[in-house]
Amino acid sequence: MTLKIKSVDDSQFDLVALGECMIRLSPAGHGRIEFAPALEVWVGGGEYNVAYALSRLGLRTGWVGGLNTSPMGRTIANHARAVGMDISHAVTRKYDGVGKIDRIGLNFTEVGHSKRPSATLYDRGHSATAGIKPGEVPWKKLFAEQGVRWLHTGGIFAALSENTRKVVAEAVKAAHEAGTVVSYDLNFRSKLWSSEEAIATTKPLVPYIDCLIGNEEDFQKVLGYEVAGVDVEKGKLDTSAFKTMVHRVVNDHPNIKVVGTTLRGVKTALVNDWSAIMWHEGTFYDGPSYPGLEIEDRVGGGDGFASGFTYGFLTGRAPQECVDLGVAHGALLMSTRGDTSQITLEELKHIATGGSARIKR
């Protein structure tokens, strides 16, 4: 089946993302939270990161999630507005001054070094995004009246609460009915829910999804598809086995038009082998391979891949160009601190087309 994307002229937004955005607190450099005298403040969340990156690349994006009127909520809003993201459909609650309900979620992230891996600790319970209720977001107005070419959401948002599971179902159905392309990043997080809960929630959504994104573990834990020859802990992947699994997924769900997955081999916390593959309309496309990629901060790399290849599709690129843009953008995003992209379109095009890291003067 062909991926049919609405024209630019028929839509107010190129992409809208649905998901939670949090405040991230990190020790400087590769320090430990336990011993940190100060913490860096960053903003990010899986789906939010995609909309943010695409706005930096020149597309018209929006974000739907939960905010409150605290300085933490304003930090997220300011970060979005700085790159032109529309947040008019975000659900904003009055801050209660204590955080009993409708909090802004926090995560504490250590950037690893050598054999010590990066680590994220969540403090995101009772958040404003988890409290969004069905019927609060005017999906019909957004998709049918304003017009959206692409909706991006995923498993992290769905995992937050019973409410968000209902909201994500509401959103993907409304987008599908309006002819909006729907991408879903499976993004399994064991700290948020079990595999059984993830499968029960996600499988009913798949008929409304056009593009699935995930690594080997995501497909196992969220959709129940086993991948032979996988050792997640060692970071090794038999791509032929993965491709066999993808064929099973698309045979079971013929509405799926794109499947993308990152390939990461972890040598140390700051040196990874990095690449990706993408299935599109019956053909696999291998992205460029970056063996021994030096990393500043690996958080957000997968979102970088998702936003890179989505940019390709939204701007009419061929499938091979799309996966090349995805791999390059993920690599570039991991060269900077924080979750959201600091990459320009010029830099992305340079690396995606084989450009080097030679100094520019």
Foldseek 3Di string as FASTA:
>chain_A
DDQDFDDPVVALFQEEEEAAKAWEWEAPAQDDPVPGPGTDIFIDDQRLQLQLQVLLQPGAYEYEFEAEPDVRRVVNVVSCVVSPYHHPQYHYYYDPVPPPAAAGKYKYWGQHWFAGAIDIDTDCARHRRLPDAPPSGPLCCRPVPNHYREYEYEDVQCLRYPRSLVVVLVNLVSNLVSSHAYEYELPDDVVRDFLVVLQVSCPVSLLSHAEYEYAQVSCCSRNNQHFPPDDVVQQDDDVVSVVVSVVVVCVVHVSHFKYKYWRWGDPTNFFIWTWIWMDGPHDIATEDIDHRQGFRGQAQLSSQLVSQLSSCVSVPHDNNLSRLLSRQRSSQQRNDDHNHRPDHNVSSVCVSVPHDPPDDD
